[in-house]
Amino acid sequence: MSPDVRAPEGFDSSGVDPLAPPLFRRRAFRNTLLVLLGFALGAGWILATTQPRATLEDRIRDARGSEPGVVYQIENMSATLVKVADLGDKVGIGLIIGQPAGAQQRSTGRDSFRLEIHAENGIVIVYGSDDGGAREAWEEIVVPPDGQIVVDVHRQCVPLTSAGLPTSGFCSMLPPLKDPIGSFVIDFRALHIPESIWH
């Protein structure tokens, strides 16, 4: 009696299930797609987390706006409004805070300044440079409907050694730190900045 060489039921004469190759191809295709999707998601996550995020300064500089260049001066402090920009629900402003060349110091050390910007969303505080130079300040505010922002200027004192180098310690100034030396008003309407930017 010779052995039965007929293929089992469901198999072809070579002993291979006719459904196996298409099933294998479908599984291989699906697994390849999953691996590629995993690589794409991983690469996207790496790119998203390693790209530098835009700073507030970048957003203000790049946004639609106006560059008034108006200078406000209170005693030996000057503040230049360099940019007013539409940031959507807020307004971005750029200020350069410094002292005019040769300005007389009013404290026993080096004068520095703190500006309190009275915006619709509260008081925003920006600081001038501690080394007597100019410092840029970039802030986002909500402008009141009348288009006017009051800015109080406070003098601060950076203690100096007898050689004129910054040191820790105290120095005196007039008026005291709690009292502003003056105020100025940023009036967006008077500066002819379109309401579409600040309102």
Protein backbone atom coordinates (compact mmCIF):
# COMPACT_ATOMS: atom_id res chain seq x y z
CA MET A 1 0.00 0.00 0.00
CA SER A 2 1.46 3.29 -1.06
CA PRO A 3 1.28 6.36 1.15
CA ASP A 4 -1.48 8.89 0.54
CA VAL A 5 0.19 11.87 -1.11
CA ARG A 6 -2.90 13.88 -1.58
CA ALA A 7 -2.79 17.35 -0.02
CA PRO A 8 -4.78 17.74 3.15
CA GLU A 9 -8.04 19.55 2.81
CA GLY A 10 -7.58 23.33 2.33
CA PHE A 11 -3.99 22.99 1.03
CA ASP A 12 -2.79 22.93 -2.57
CA SER A 13 -0.61 20.16 -4.02
CA SER A 14 2.57 21.81 -2.71
CA GLY A 15 1.25 21.64 0.86
CA VAL A 16 0.86 25.42 1.18
CA ASP A 17 -2.34 27.02 2.34
CA PRO A 18 -3.50 29.18 -0.62
CA LEU A 19 -4.63 31.90 1.81
CA ALA A 20 -1.26 32.09 3.59
CA PRO A 21 0.68 34.34 1.13
CA PRO A 22 -2.02 37.08 0.98
CA LEU A 23 -2.45 36.90 4.76
CA PHE A 24 1.34 37.16 5.26
CA ARG A 25 1.54 40.12 2.88
CA ARG A 26 -1.32 41.92 4.66
CA ARG A 27 0.32 41.42 8.07
CA ALA A 28 3.75 42.49 6.78
CA PHE A 29 2.22 45.60 5.17
CA ARG A 30 0.33 46.49 8.37
CA ASN A 31 3.42 46.00 10.55
CA THR A 32 5.54 48.09 8.18
CA LEU A 33 2.96 50.89 8.30
CA LEU A 34 2.93 50.79 12.11
CA VAL A 35 6.73 50.98 12.29
CA LEU A 36 6.82 53.90 9.82
CA LEU A 37 4.06 55.70 11.72
CA GLY A 38 6.02 55.21 14.96
CA PHE A 39 9.16 56.67 13.36
CA ALA A 40 7.20 59.62 11.94
CA LEU A 41 5.57 60.39 15.32
CA GLY A 42 8.92 60.09 17.09
CA ALA A 43 10.66 62.36 14.59
CA GLY A 44 7.82 64.90 14.82
CA TRP A 45 8.01 64.92 18.61
CA ILE A 46 11.79 65.40 18.54
CA LEU A 47 11.49 68.28 16.06
CA ALA A 48 8.69 69.91 18.04
CA THR A 49 10.57 69.76 21.33
CA THR A 50 13.95 70.84 20.00
CA GLN A 51 12.84 73.84 17.92
CA PRO A 52 13.39 77.13 19.75
CA ARG A 53 10.13 78.68 20.83
CA ALA A 54 9.44 82.24 19.79
CA THR A 55 10.04 84.67 22.63
CA LEU A 56 7.66 87.50 23.41
CA GLU A 57 10.17 89.86 21.82
CA ASP A 58 10.14 87.78 18.62
CA ARG A 59 6.34 87.75 18.56
CA ILE A 60 6.15 91.53 19.02
CA ARG A 61 8.87 92.27 16.45
CA ASP A 62 7.23 89.98 13.87
CA ALA A 63 3.62 91.06 14.47
CA ARG A 64 1.70 93.69 12.54
CA GLY A 65 2.14 97.01 14.27
CA SER A 66 3.58 100.49 14.42
CA GLU A 67 7.04 101.82 15.33
CA PRO A 68 6.40 105.25 16.87
CA GLY A 69 9.94 105.96 18.13
CA VAL A 70 8.61 108.54 20.60
CA VAL A 71 10.88 109.33 23.57
CA TYR A 72 9.51 110.00 27.07
CA GLN A 73 11.88 111.64 29.56
CA ILE A 74 11.46 112.00 33.30
CA GLU A 75 14.49 113.60 35.00
CA ASN A 76 17.48 111.43 34.03
CA MET A 77 15.40 108.51 32.67
CA SER A 78 14.40 108.14 29.05
CA ALA A 79 12.07 105.53 27.59
CA THR A 80 11.65 105.09 23.84
CA LEU A 81 8.52 103.37 22.55
CA VAL A 82 9.96 101.34 19.68
CA LYS A 83 7.04 99.03 18.79
CA VAL A 84 3.32 98.63 19.33
CA ALA A 85 2.02 95.34 17.93
CA ASP A 86 -1.26 93.48 17.59
CA LEU A 87 -0.92 90.12 19.41
CA GLY A 88 -4.57 89.15 19.05
CA ASP A 89 -6.21 89.53 22.47
CA LYS A 90 -3.34 91.69 23.81
CA VAL A 91 -1.04 94.43 22.59
CA GLY A 92 2.72 94.02 22.55
CA ILE A 93 4.94 96.98 23.36
CA GLY A 94 8.68 97.40 23.09
CA LEU A 95 10.50 99.99 25.19
CA ILE A 96 14.15 100.96 25.44
CA ILE A 97 14.84 102.29 28.92
CA GLY A 98 18.02 104.21 29.62
CA GLN A 99 19.64 107.50 30.53
CA PRO A 100 20.63 110.33 28.23
CA ALA A 101 24.39 110.59 27.67
CA GLY A 102 26.08 112.43 30.53
CA ALA A 103 22.96 112.34 32.73
CA GLN A 104 23.62 113.37 36.32
CA GLN A 105 23.08 110.56 38.81
CA ARG A 106 20.56 111.43 41.53
CA SER A 107 21.57 108.69 43.98
CA THR A 108 24.77 107.98 45.88
CA GLY A 109 25.30 104.99 43.58
CA ARG A 110 24.20 104.47 39.99
CA ASP A 111 20.61 105.26 39.05
CA SER A 112 18.44 102.50 37.68
CA PHE A 113 14.75 102.65 36.92
CA ARG A 114 11.58 100.64 37.43
CA LEU A 115 8.56 101.46 35.27
CA GLU A 116 5.05 100.55 36.36
CA ILE A 117 2.76 100.33 33.34
CA HIS A 118 -0.89 100.74 34.40
CA ALA A 119 -2.70 98.62 31.81
CA GLU A 120 -6.24 97.30 31.70
CA ASN A 121 -4.94 93.87 32.79
CA GLY A 122 -3.11 95.25 35.85
CA ILE A 123 0.26 96.80 36.58
CA VAL A 124 3.13 95.51 34.48
CA ILE A 125 6.59 96.21 35.90
CA VAL A 126 9.68 96.58 33.71
CA TYR A 127 13.21 97.39 34.80
CA GLY A 128 15.96 99.49 33.31
CA SER A 129 19.58 98.42 33.16
CA ASP A 130 21.67 98.18 36.33
CA ASP A 131 24.84 99.26 34.53
CA GLY A 132 23.62 102.67 33.43
CA GLY A 133 23.18 101.57 29.81
CA ALA A 134 20.02 100.99 27.82
CA ARG A 135 17.78 97.97 28.28
CA GLU A 136 15.00 96.67 26.06
CA ALA A 137 11.70 95.65 27.64
CA TRP A 138 9.05 93.67 25.72
CA GLU A 139 5.63 93.27 27.35
CA GLU A 140 2.06 92.38 26.45
CA ILE A 141 -0.74 94.50 27.85
CA VAL A 142 -4.43 95.21 27.44
CA VAL A 143 -5.03 98.82 26.44
CA PRO A 144 -8.08 100.57 27.93
CA PRO A 145 -10.77 101.83 25.53
CA ASP A 146 -9.51 105.45 25.74
CA GLY A 147 -6.13 104.33 24.35
CA GLN A 148 -4.10 105.80 27.20
CA ILE A 149 -1.60 103.99 29.41
CA VAL A 150 -0.09 105.72 32.47
CA VAL A 151 3.50 104.78 33.28
CA ASP A 152 4.98 105.60 36.70
CA VAL A 153 8.77 105.93 36.87
CA HIS A 154 10.64 104.92 40.02
CA ARG A 155 14.33 105.53 40.57
CA GLN A 156 16.34 102.72 42.08
CA CYS A 157 19.91 102.78 43.20
CA VAL A 158 22.71 100.38 42.34
CA PRO A 159 25.38 100.62 45.07
CA LEU A 160 28.90 101.33 43.78
CA THR A 161 32.37 101.02 45.28
CA SER A 162 34.64 104.05 45.40
CA ALA A 163 36.10 102.81 42.09
CA GLY A 164 32.65 102.94 40.48
CA LEU A 165 32.07 99.17 40.40
CA PRO A 166 28.75 97.59 41.47
CA THR A 167 28.75 96.18 44.99
CA SER A 168 26.28 94.76 47.46
CA GLY A 169 24.98 97.10 50.10
CA PHE A 170 22.78 100.13 50.27
CA CYS A 171 22.76 103.59 48.78
CA SER A 172 20.47 106.54 49.30
CA MET A 173 18.34 108.43 46.87
CA LEU A 174 15.73 111.12 46.74
CA PRO A 175 12.82 110.65 46.65
CA PRO A 176 12.60 107.29 48.43
CA LEU A 177 12.06 104.13 46.36
CA LYS A 178 8.33 103.95 47.11
CA ASP A 179 7.67 107.36 45.54
CA PRO A 180 7.66 107.73 41.74
CA ILE A 181 9.87 110.48 40.34
CA GLY A 182 7.23 111.18 37.71
CA SER A 183 4.79 109.70 35.22
CA PHE A 184 4.10 109.85 31.53
CA VAL A 185 1.15 108.78 29.38
CA ILE A 186 1.39 106.64 26.26
CA ASP A 187 -1.56 107.88 24.21
CA PHE A 188 -2.09 105.52 21.28
CA ARG A 189 -4.61 107.83 19.63
CA ALA A 190 -2.33 110.87 19.84
CA LEU A 191 0.48 108.76 18.36
CA HIS A 192 -1.83 107.94 15.40
CA ILE A 193 -1.53 104.20 15.99
CA PRO A 194 -4.48 102.52 14.25
CA GLU A 195 -7.16 101.28 16.63
CA SER A 196 -7.07 97.92 14.86
CA ILE A 197 -3.67 97.38 16.48
CA TRP A 198 -4.42 98.34 20.07
CA HIS A 199 -8.21 98.04 20.50
